[in-house]
């Protein structure tokens, strides 16, 4: 009987702090612009290193944004363009923009 009641019990929906959400969205926007700048600058010292660092920071922020939005984790996927695209699409479907 307890299994049945646990199954149908409402789960608490965790509401993220709106200021945390705004901060993450602002940082995502800044990093997306930084990545575009790095990709379009033809002669940039340590370009590959800067691009990898910016993309890693962007991926970390996407993970944080997914946590705040309640998006299920894609833990089985390694960091890749595919995972980034899936997370961005899921966040956009939940009303996130940056």
N, C-alpha and C. Protein backbone atom coordinates (compact mmCIF):
# COMPACT_ATOMS: atom_id res chain seq x y z
N UNK A 1 0.82 -1.20 0.00
CA UNK A 1 0.00 0.00 0.00
C UNK A 1 0.87 1.26 0.00
N UNK A 2 1.98 1.23 0.75
CA UNK A 2 2.85 2.40 0.81
C UNK A 2 3.46 2.71 -0.55
N UNK A 3 3.74 1.65 -1.31
CA UNK A 3 4.29 1.88 -2.63
C UNK A 3 3.31 2.63 -3.51
N UNK A 4 2.06 2.28 -3.40
CA UNK A 4 1.04 2.94 -4.21
C UNK A 4 0.89 4.40 -3.80
N UNK A 5 0.86 4.67 -2.50
CA UNK A 5 0.71 6.06 -2.05
C UNK A 5 1.93 6.89 -2.40
N UNK A 6 3.12 6.29 -2.31
CA UNK A 6 4.33 7.01 -2.69
C UNK A 6 4.33 7.34 -4.18
N UNK A 7 3.80 6.43 -4.95
CA UNK A 7 3.79 6.61 -6.39
C UNK A 7 2.90 7.77 -6.81
N UNK A 8 1.77 7.93 -6.14
CA UNK A 8 0.82 8.96 -6.52
C UNK A 8 0.94 10.23 -5.70
N UNK A 9 1.85 10.25 -4.76
CA UNK A 9 2.07 11.45 -3.96
C UNK A 9 2.68 12.53 -4.84
N UNK A 10 2.19 13.73 -4.67
CA UNK A 10 2.73 14.83 -5.47
C UNK A 10 4.14 15.15 -5.03
N UNK A 11 4.97 15.36 -6.01
CA UNK A 11 6.34 15.75 -5.71
C UNK A 11 6.40 17.26 -5.66
N UNK A 12 7.20 17.76 -4.76
CA UNK A 12 7.36 19.20 -4.65
C UNK A 12 8.16 19.71 -5.83
N UNK A 13 7.64 20.75 -6.44
CA UNK A 13 8.35 21.38 -7.55
C UNK A 13 9.26 22.44 -6.95
N UNK A 14 10.54 22.29 -7.22
CA UNK A 14 11.51 23.22 -6.69
C UNK A 14 11.55 24.45 -7.59
N UNK A 15 11.31 25.61 -7.00
CA UNK A 15 11.37 26.85 -7.75
C UNK A 15 12.76 27.47 -7.57
N UNK A 16 13.37 27.77 -8.68
CA UNK A 16 14.71 28.38 -8.63
C UNK A 16 14.57 29.86 -8.29
N UNK A 17 15.55 30.38 -7.63
CA UNK A 17 15.60 31.81 -7.32
C UNK A 17 15.68 32.58 -8.64
N UNK A 18 14.78 33.53 -8.89
CA UNK A 18 14.80 34.25 -10.16
C UNK A 18 16.10 35.02 -10.40
N UNK A 19 16.76 35.46 -9.33
CA UNK A 19 18.02 36.17 -9.52
C UNK A 19 19.13 35.22 -9.94
N UNK A 20 19.10 33.99 -9.44
CA UNK A 20 20.06 32.99 -9.91
C UNK A 20 19.84 32.69 -11.39
N UNK A 21 18.58 32.56 -11.76
CA UNK A 21 18.23 32.29 -13.15
C UNK A 21 18.70 33.43 -14.04
N UNK A 22 18.45 34.65 -13.64
CA UNK A 22 18.87 35.81 -14.42
C UNK A 22 20.39 35.87 -14.55
N UNK A 23 21.09 35.58 -13.45
CA UNK A 23 22.56 35.59 -13.49
C UNK A 23 23.08 34.56 -14.49
N UNK A 24 22.52 33.35 -14.44
CA UNK A 24 22.97 32.29 -15.36
C UNK A 24 22.67 32.68 -16.80
N UNK A 25 21.49 33.23 -17.07
CA UNK A 25 21.15 33.66 -18.42
C UNK A 25 22.10 34.76 -18.91
N UNK A 26 22.42 35.69 -18.05
CA UNK A 26 23.35 36.77 -18.41
C UNK A 26 24.73 36.22 -18.73
N UNK A 27 25.21 35.31 -17.91
CA UNK A 27 26.52 34.71 -18.14
C UNK A 27 26.54 33.87 -19.43
N UNK A 28 25.43 33.14 -19.69
CA UNK A 28 25.35 32.36 -20.92
C UNK A 28 25.42 33.28 -22.14
N UNK A 29 24.72 34.39 -22.07
CA UNK A 29 24.74 35.36 -23.17
C UNK A 29 26.15 35.92 -23.38
N UNK A 30 26.82 36.26 -22.29
CA UNK A 30 28.17 36.79 -22.38
C UNK A 30 29.12 35.76 -22.99
N UNK A 31 29.05 34.52 -22.51
CA UNK A 31 29.95 33.48 -23.02
C UNK A 31 29.64 33.13 -24.47
N UNK A 32 28.37 33.14 -24.86
CA UNK A 32 28.03 32.87 -26.27
C UNK A 32 28.65 33.95 -27.16
N UNK A 33 28.59 35.20 -26.72
CA UNK A 33 29.22 36.28 -27.47
C UNK A 33 30.73 36.13 -27.52
N UNK A 34 31.32 35.72 -26.42
CA UNK A 34 32.78 35.51 -26.37
C UNK A 34 33.19 34.39 -27.31
N UNK A 35 32.42 33.31 -27.36
CA UNK A 35 32.73 32.20 -28.26
C UNK A 35 32.63 32.66 -29.71
N UNK A 36 31.60 33.43 -30.04
CA UNK A 36 31.47 33.96 -31.41
C UNK A 36 32.65 34.87 -31.75
N UNK A 37 33.07 35.70 -30.80
CA UNK A 37 34.20 36.59 -31.03
C UNK A 37 35.48 35.81 -31.29
N UNK A 38 35.71 34.78 -30.50
CA UNK A 38 36.92 33.96 -30.66
C UNK A 38 36.89 33.25 -32.01
N UNK A 39 35.72 32.73 -32.40
CA UNK A 39 35.62 32.00 -33.67
C UNK A 39 35.80 32.90 -34.88
N UNK A 40 35.44 34.17 -34.77
CA UNK A 40 35.50 35.05 -35.93
C UNK A 40 36.77 35.90 -36.01
N UNK A 41 37.56 35.91 -34.95
CA UNK A 41 38.81 36.68 -34.98
C UNK A 41 39.87 35.82 -35.67
N UNK A 42 40.37 36.27 -36.82
CA UNK A 42 41.28 35.43 -37.60
C UNK A 42 42.65 35.21 -36.93
N UNK A 43 43.21 36.23 -36.32
CA UNK A 43 44.54 36.08 -35.72
C UNK A 43 44.44 36.39 -34.24
N UNK A 44 44.27 35.35 -33.48
CA UNK A 44 44.12 35.49 -32.03
C UNK A 44 45.11 34.55 -31.36
N UNK A 45 45.92 35.11 -30.47
CA UNK A 45 46.92 34.32 -29.76
C UNK A 45 46.22 33.25 -28.93
N UNK A 46 46.68 32.03 -29.00
CA UNK A 46 46.15 30.90 -28.25
C UNK A 46 44.64 30.71 -28.49
N UNK A 47 44.26 30.82 -29.74
CA UNK A 47 42.85 30.76 -30.11
C UNK A 47 42.19 29.45 -29.69
N UNK A 48 42.82 28.34 -29.97
CA UNK A 48 42.24 27.03 -29.64
C UNK A 48 42.06 26.89 -28.12
N UNK A 49 43.05 27.33 -27.38
CA UNK A 49 42.97 27.24 -25.92
C UNK A 49 41.83 28.11 -25.39
N UNK A 50 41.72 29.33 -25.89
CA UNK A 50 40.66 30.24 -25.46
C UNK A 50 39.28 29.68 -25.80
N UNK A 51 39.17 29.10 -26.99
CA UNK A 51 37.90 28.54 -27.42
C UNK A 51 37.51 27.35 -26.55
N UNK A 52 38.46 26.48 -26.26
CA UNK A 52 38.16 25.32 -25.39
C UNK A 52 37.74 25.77 -24.00
N UNK A 53 38.42 26.77 -23.45
CA UNK A 53 38.09 27.27 -22.11
C UNK A 53 36.70 27.91 -22.10
N UNK A 54 36.39 28.71 -23.12
CA UNK A 54 35.09 29.36 -23.18
C UNK A 54 33.97 28.34 -23.36
N UNK A 55 34.20 27.33 -24.19
CA UNK A 55 33.18 26.30 -24.40
C UNK A 55 32.97 25.46 -23.15
N UNK A 56 34.04 25.18 -22.40
CA UNK A 56 33.91 24.43 -21.15
C UNK A 56 33.10 25.23 -20.13
N UNK A 57 33.37 26.53 -20.04
CA UNK A 57 32.60 27.37 -19.12
C UNK A 57 31.14 27.44 -19.56
N UNK A 58 30.90 27.53 -20.85
CA UNK A 58 29.53 27.57 -21.38
C UNK A 58 28.79 26.26 -21.07
N UNK A 59 29.48 25.13 -21.25
CA UNK A 59 28.87 23.83 -20.94
C UNK A 59 28.52 23.72 -19.46
N UNK A 60 29.42 24.19 -18.60
CA UNK A 60 29.14 24.17 -17.16
C UNK A 60 27.92 25.02 -16.82
N UNK A 61 27.83 26.18 -17.45
CA UNK A 61 26.66 27.04 -17.20
C UNK A 61 25.39 26.42 -17.76
N UNK A 62 25.48 25.73 -18.88
CA UNK A 62 24.30 25.03 -19.41
C UNK A 62 23.83 23.96 -18.44
N UNK A 63 24.78 23.23 -17.84
CA UNK A 63 24.41 22.23 -16.84
C UNK A 63 23.72 22.88 -15.65
N UNK A 64 24.23 24.02 -15.21
CA UNK A 64 23.62 24.75 -14.10
C UNK A 64 22.23 25.25 -14.48
N UNK A 65 22.09 25.75 -15.70
CA UNK A 65 20.79 26.23 -16.16
C UNK A 65 19.78 25.08 -16.21
N UNK A 66 20.22 23.92 -16.67
CA UNK A 66 19.33 22.76 -16.71
C UNK A 66 18.90 22.35 -15.30
N UNK A 67 19.81 22.43 -14.36
CA UNK A 67 19.47 22.11 -12.98
C UNK A 67 18.44 23.10 -12.46
N UNK A 68 18.63 24.38 -12.72
CA UNK A 68 17.69 25.40 -12.26
C UNK A 68 16.31 25.25 -12.91
N UNK A 69 16.29 24.83 -14.18
CA UNK A 69 15.04 24.71 -14.92
C UNK A 69 14.36 23.36 -14.70
N UNK A 70 15.04 22.45 -14.01
CA UNK A 70 14.46 21.13 -13.76
C UNK A 70 14.54 20.19 -14.94
N UNK A 71 15.50 20.43 -15.81
CA UNK A 71 15.70 19.57 -16.97
C UNK A 71 16.44 18.32 -16.52
N UNK A 72 15.94 17.14 -16.90
CA UNK A 72 16.65 15.91 -16.52
C UNK A 72 18.07 15.90 -17.09
N UNK A 73 18.98 15.38 -16.33
CA UNK A 73 20.39 15.37 -16.72
C UNK A 73 20.64 14.39 -17.85
N UNK A 74 21.51 14.78 -18.73
CA UNK A 74 21.96 13.92 -19.83
C UNK A 74 23.35 13.38 -19.46
N UNK A 75 23.42 12.73 -18.31
CA UNK A 75 24.71 12.30 -17.76
C UNK A 75 25.42 11.29 -18.65
N UNK A 76 24.66 10.51 -19.43
CA UNK A 76 25.30 9.48 -20.24
C UNK A 76 26.01 10.07 -21.45
N UNK A 77 25.70 11.30 -21.80
CA UNK A 77 26.37 11.95 -22.92
C UNK A 77 27.61 12.69 -22.45
N UNK A 78 28.68 12.53 -23.20
CA UNK A 78 29.88 13.31 -22.92
C UNK A 78 29.67 14.72 -23.43
N UNK A 79 30.52 15.63 -22.97
CA UNK A 79 30.44 16.99 -23.49
C UNK A 79 30.68 16.96 -24.98
N UNK A 80 29.72 17.48 -25.72
CA UNK A 80 29.83 17.50 -27.17
C UNK A 80 28.85 18.52 -27.72
N UNK A 81 28.94 18.72 -29.01
CA UNK A 81 28.00 19.62 -29.69
C UNK A 81 26.58 19.08 -29.53
N UNK A 82 26.43 17.75 -29.59
CA UNK A 82 25.10 17.14 -29.47
C UNK A 82 24.48 17.42 -28.11
N UNK A 83 25.24 17.22 -27.05
CA UNK A 83 24.73 17.47 -25.70
C UNK A 83 24.40 18.96 -25.54
N UNK A 84 25.26 19.82 -26.03
CA UNK A 84 25.04 21.26 -25.94
C UNK A 84 23.75 21.63 -26.67
N UNK A 85 23.56 21.08 -27.86
CA UNK A 85 22.38 21.38 -28.64
C UNK A 85 21.11 20.89 -27.94
N UNK A 86 21.15 19.68 -27.38
CA UNK A 86 19.99 19.14 -26.66
C UNK A 86 19.63 20.00 -25.45
N UNK A 87 20.64 20.42 -24.70
CA UNK A 87 20.38 21.25 -23.52
C UNK A 87 19.84 22.62 -23.92
N UNK A 88 20.41 23.22 -24.96
CA UNK A 88 19.92 24.52 -25.41
C UNK A 88 18.47 24.42 -25.89
N UNK A 89 18.16 23.38 -26.61
CA UNK A 89 16.80 23.18 -27.11
C UNK A 89 15.82 22.98 -25.96
N UNK A 90 16.20 22.18 -24.98
CA UNK A 90 15.33 21.93 -23.83
C UNK A 90 15.10 23.20 -23.02
N UNK A 91 16.15 23.97 -22.82
CA UNK A 91 16.01 25.23 -22.08
C UNK A 91 15.13 26.22 -22.86
N UNK A 92 15.31 26.29 -24.17
CA UNK A 92 14.49 27.19 -24.99
C UNK A 92 13.02 26.78 -24.93
N UNK A 93 12.75 25.49 -24.90
CA UNK A 93 11.36 25.03 -24.83
C UNK A 93 10.72 25.38 -23.48
N UNK A 94 11.55 25.64 -22.48
CA UNK A 94 11.05 26.03 -21.17
C UNK A 94 11.06 27.54 -20.97
N UNK A 95 11.29 28.28 -22.04
CA UNK A 95 11.20 29.74 -21.98
C UNK A 95 12.49 30.47 -21.68
N UNK A 96 13.61 29.76 -21.65
CA UNK A 96 14.89 30.40 -21.40
C UNK A 96 15.40 31.07 -22.67
N UNK A 97 16.01 32.21 -22.52
CA UNK A 97 16.65 32.87 -23.65
C UNK A 97 17.91 33.56 -23.16
N UNK A 98 18.87 33.67 -24.04
CA UNK A 98 20.13 34.37 -23.70
C UNK A 98 20.78 34.88 -24.94
